[in-house]
Every structure is written in C-alpha cells, then in structure tokens.
Amino acid sequence: MTVRISDTQITDRKGQITVRNGKGGKYREIPLNNDVRKVLALYLAEYPRLANDYLFFTNRSPKMTTRAAQVIVEKYKELTGIAHLNCHSCIPSVISWLLIRYRWMSLLG
C-alpha cells in the first residue's frame, strides 16, 4: 500500500494511479474508470493531506499495511455477503479497498 497522493492523477475525463513498486517490484499505471474517480475524489476531499503522504492510512500509521487492507475487505465481505470478495477481485487492491470502503459504506449506512 505504498501509493502516495502524488501517484494519483484525476480529471473529469480520465485518471490513473501509478504503482511504482508493486507485486514483484513492478511499475504499473492503472487507469481509473469514472466510478473509481468519483469515489477517489470523495475520499481525497474527506481526508486532505500533502502530496507526499500515503494515499491510504490508518489511525495507527501514516501508511496502511497490506494486512490492514485484508482485514477491511474481510469485514465488508461478511457485511455484504459477497462470498467471492477478496483483495484480488479487482486489480489493484487499492481500487478494491476504495470501492468497498466508500461505496459499501454508503449502502450500509
């Protein structure tokens, strides 16, 4: 979960997240569809931080660990009853976490 705010580019018509050191040390540029861009914009508005800060954080750390993301996915898997939901359901897990955390939260109240 080493994506920083500066690794995100969002406009009304397109967006992407740059993963500089992903699985296997690979560099990736992940395009963001309209739904993800909207959710990400809401997230960034709710949690404004500096460009060099990590995109995802926890109450205990400025950088969310992979395990923390897995715990969140498991929580919403149980709450929603989506049996096949996991961090690999949507690539990358960053996008999964965003959609789960902010989309399902609004549905669940």
C-alpha atoms as a PDB file:
ATOM      1  CA  MET A   1       0.000   0.000   0.000  1.00  0.00           C
ATOM      2  CA  THR A   2       2.822   2.361  -0.907  1.00  0.00           C
ATOM      3  CA  VAL A   3       0.844   4.608  -3.254  1.00  0.00           C
ATOM      4  CA  ARG A   4       1.214   8.267  -2.421  1.00  0.00           C
ATOM      5  CA  ILE A   5      -1.180  11.145  -3.136  1.00  0.00           C
ATOM      6  CA  SER A   6       1.272  12.368  -5.780  1.00  0.00           C
ATOM      7  CA  ASP A   7       0.870   8.993  -7.565  1.00  0.00           C
ATOM      8  CA  THR A   8      -2.765   9.764  -8.396  1.00  0.00           C
ATOM      9  CA  GLN A   9      -3.915  11.793 -11.370  1.00  0.00           C
ATOM     10  CA  ILE A  10      -7.626  12.562 -11.690  1.00  0.00           C
ATOM     11  CA  THR A  11      -9.519  14.712 -14.158  1.00  0.00           C
ATOM     12  CA  ASP A  12     -13.190  14.730 -15.169  1.00  0.00           C
ATOM     13  CA  ARG A  13     -12.476  12.508 -18.176  1.00  0.00           C
ATOM     14  CA  LYS A  14      -9.639  10.244 -17.063  1.00  0.00           C
ATOM     15  CA  GLY A  15      -7.433   9.228 -14.207  1.00  0.00           C
ATOM     16  CA  GLN A  16      -4.748   6.822 -13.157  1.00  0.00           C
ATOM     17  CA  ILE A  17      -2.819   5.542 -10.178  1.00  0.00           C
ATOM     18  CA  THR A  18       0.886   4.931 -10.597  1.00  0.00           C
ATOM     19  CA  VAL A  19       2.237   1.976  -8.627  1.00  0.00           C
ATOM     20  CA  ARG A  20       5.982   2.431  -8.514  1.00  0.00           C
ATOM     21  CA  ASN A  21       6.882  -0.753  -6.665  1.00  0.00           C
ATOM     22  CA  GLY A  22       4.031  -3.248  -6.982  1.00  0.00           C
ATOM     23  CA  LYS A  23       3.965  -7.000  -6.637  1.00  0.00           C
ATOM     24  CA  GLY A  24       7.265  -8.375  -7.843  1.00  0.00           C
ATOM     25  CA  GLY A  25       8.757  -4.870  -7.812  1.00  0.00           C
ATOM     26  CA  LYS A  26       6.856  -3.969 -10.983  1.00  0.00           C
ATOM     27  CA  TYR A  27       5.947  -0.455 -12.110  1.00  0.00           C
ATOM     28  CA  ARG A  28       2.319  -0.094 -13.215  1.00  0.00           C
ATOM     29  CA  GLU A  29      -0.012   2.648 -14.376  1.00  0.00           C
ATOM     30  CA  ILE A  30      -3.599   1.684 -13.583  1.00  0.00           C
ATOM     31  CA  PRO A  31      -6.362   3.566 -15.421  1.00  0.00           C
ATOM     32  CA  LEU A  32      -9.343   4.581 -13.290  1.00  0.00           C
ATOM     33  CA  ASN A  33     -12.892   4.367 -14.584  1.00  0.00           C
ATOM     34  CA  ASN A  34     -15.496   7.024 -13.844  1.00  0.00           C
ATOM     35  CA  ASP A  35     -16.892   5.305 -10.719  1.00  0.00           C
ATOM     36  CA  VAL A  36     -13.452   4.910  -9.169  1.00  0.00           C
ATOM     37  CA  ARG A  37     -12.532   8.524  -9.982  1.00  0.00           C
ATOM     38  CA  LYS A  38     -15.674   9.769  -8.243  1.00  0.00           C
ATOM     39  CA  VAL A  39     -15.066   7.659  -5.135  1.00  0.00           C
ATOM     40  CA  LEU A  40     -11.389   8.604  -5.034  1.00  0.00           C
ATOM     41  CA  ALA A  41     -12.253  12.310  -5.339  1.00  0.00           C
ATOM     42  CA  LEU A  42     -14.683  11.980  -2.408  1.00  0.00           C
ATOM     43  CA  TYR A  43     -12.038  10.155  -0.376  1.00  0.00           C
ATOM     44  CA  LEU A  44      -9.405  12.808  -1.073  1.00  0.00           C
ATOM     45  CA  ALA A  45     -11.852  15.590  -0.196  1.00  0.00           C
ATOM     46  CA  GLU A  46     -12.724  13.872   3.089  1.00  0.00           C
ATOM     47  CA  TYR A  47      -9.097  13.190   4.024  1.00  0.00           C
ATOM     48  CA  PRO A  48      -6.999  16.047   2.615  1.00  0.00           C
ATOM     49  CA  ARG A  49      -3.270  15.563   3.053  1.00  0.00           C
ATOM     50  CA  LEU A  50       0.030  16.576   1.492  1.00  0.00           C
ATOM     51  CA  ALA A  51       1.083  15.280  -1.947  1.00  0.00           C
ATOM     52  CA  ASN A  52       3.904  13.180  -0.470  1.00  0.00           C
ATOM     53  CA  ASP A  53       1.602  11.470   2.073  1.00  0.00           C
ATOM     54  CA  TYR A  54       0.449   7.897   1.502  1.00  0.00           C
ATOM     55  CA  LEU A  55      -2.931   7.564  -0.176  1.00  0.00           C
ATOM     56  CA  PHE A  56      -4.209   5.126   2.452  1.00  0.00           C
ATOM     57  CA  PHE A  57      -3.502   5.384   6.150  1.00  0.00           C
ATOM     58  CA  THR A  58      -4.775   4.067   9.461  1.00  0.00           C
ATOM     59  CA  ASN A  59      -5.283   5.591  12.882  1.00  0.00           C
ATOM     60  CA  ARG A  60      -2.015   3.985  13.967  1.00  0.00           C
ATOM     61  CA  SER A  61       0.176   4.616  10.949  1.00  0.00           C
ATOM     62  CA  PRO A  62       0.581   7.092   8.083  1.00  0.00           C
ATOM     63  CA  LYS A  63       0.837   4.073   5.744  1.00  0.00           C
ATOM     64  CA  MET A  64      -1.745   1.278   5.556  1.00  0.00           C
ATOM     65  CA  THR A  65      -0.301  -2.223   5.581  1.00  0.00           C
ATOM     66  CA  THR A  66      -1.420  -4.987   3.255  1.00  0.00           C
ATOM     67  CA  ARG A  67      -2.783  -6.873   6.264  1.00  0.00           C
ATOM     68  CA  ALA A  68      -4.907  -3.884   7.324  1.00  0.00           C
ATOM     69  CA  ALA A  69      -6.436  -3.773   3.815  1.00  0.00           C
ATOM     70  CA  GLN A  70      -7.164  -7.515   4.021  1.00  0.00           C
ATOM     71  CA  VAL A  71      -8.953  -7.049   7.345  1.00  0.00           C
ATOM     72  CA  ILE A  72     -11.145  -4.320   5.832  1.00  0.00           C
ATOM     73  CA  VAL A  73     -12.005  -6.493   2.820  1.00  0.00           C
ATOM     74  CA  GLU A  74     -12.903  -9.413   5.089  1.00  0.00           C
ATOM     75  CA  LYS A  75     -15.128  -7.162   7.216  1.00  0.00           C
ATOM     76  CA  TYR A  76     -17.126  -5.937   4.213  1.00  0.00           C
ATOM     77  CA  LYS A  77     -17.193  -9.405   2.695  1.00  0.00           C
ATOM     78  CA  GLU A  78     -19.093 -10.560   5.790  1.00  0.00           C
ATOM     79  CA  LEU A  79     -21.332  -7.476   5.944  1.00  0.00           C
ATOM     80  CA  THR A  80     -22.326  -7.661   2.274  1.00  0.00           C
ATOM     81  CA  GLY A  81     -22.466 -11.428   1.921  1.00  0.00           C
ATOM     82  CA  ILE A  82     -20.345 -11.341  -1.236  1.00  0.00           C
ATOM     83  CA  ALA A  83     -18.611 -14.712  -0.925  1.00  0.00           C
ATOM     84  CA  HIS A  84     -16.053 -14.186  -3.693  1.00  0.00           C
ATOM     85  CA  LEU A  85     -14.867 -10.759  -2.489  1.00  0.00           C
ATOM     86  CA  ASN A  86     -11.124 -10.508  -1.848  1.00  0.00           C
ATOM     87  CA  CYS A  87      -8.211  -8.133  -2.408  1.00  0.00           C
ATOM     88  CA  HIS A  88      -7.670  -9.670  -5.836  1.00  0.00           C
ATOM     89  CA  SER A  89     -11.288  -9.315  -7.020  1.00  0.00           C
ATOM     90  CA  CYS A  90     -10.352  -6.011  -8.566  1.00  0.00           C
ATOM     91  CA  ILE A  91      -6.852  -5.026  -9.600  1.00  0.00           C
ATOM     92  CA  PRO A  92      -5.172  -3.406  -7.832  1.00  0.00           C
ATOM     93  CA  SER A  93      -6.247  -3.998  -4.257  1.00  0.00           C
ATOM     94  CA  VAL A  94      -6.089  -0.237  -3.774  1.00  0.00           C
ATOM     95  CA  ILE A  95      -9.140   0.138  -6.011  1.00  0.00           C
ATOM     96  CA  SER A  96     -10.895  -2.737  -4.243  1.00  0.00           C
ATOM     97  CA  TRP A  97     -10.355  -1.055  -0.923  1.00  0.00           C
ATOM     98  CA  LEU A  98     -11.680   2.270  -2.185  1.00  0.00           C
ATOM     99  CA  LEU A  99     -14.803   0.772  -3.672  1.00  0.00           C
ATOM    100  CA  ILE A 100     -15.506  -1.414  -0.671  1.00  0.00           C
ATOM    101  CA  ARG A 101     -14.828   1.207   1.958  1.00  0.00           C
ATOM    102  CA  TYR A 102     -16.702   4.089   0.388  1.00  0.00           C
ATOM    103  CA  ARG A 103     -19.295   2.534  -1.870  1.00  0.00           C
ATOM    104  CA  TRP A 104     -20.479  -0.188   0.510  1.00  0.00           C
ATOM    105  CA  MET A 105     -20.327   2.147   3.486  1.00  0.00           C
ATOM    106  CA  SER A 106     -22.877   4.403   1.791  1.00  0.00           C
ATOM    107  CA  LEU A 107     -25.096   1.412   1.011  1.00  0.00           C
ATOM    108  CA  LEU A 108     -24.862   0.005   4.522  1.00  0.00           C
ATOM    109  CA  GLY A 109     -25.351   3.329   6.277  1.00  0.00           C
END
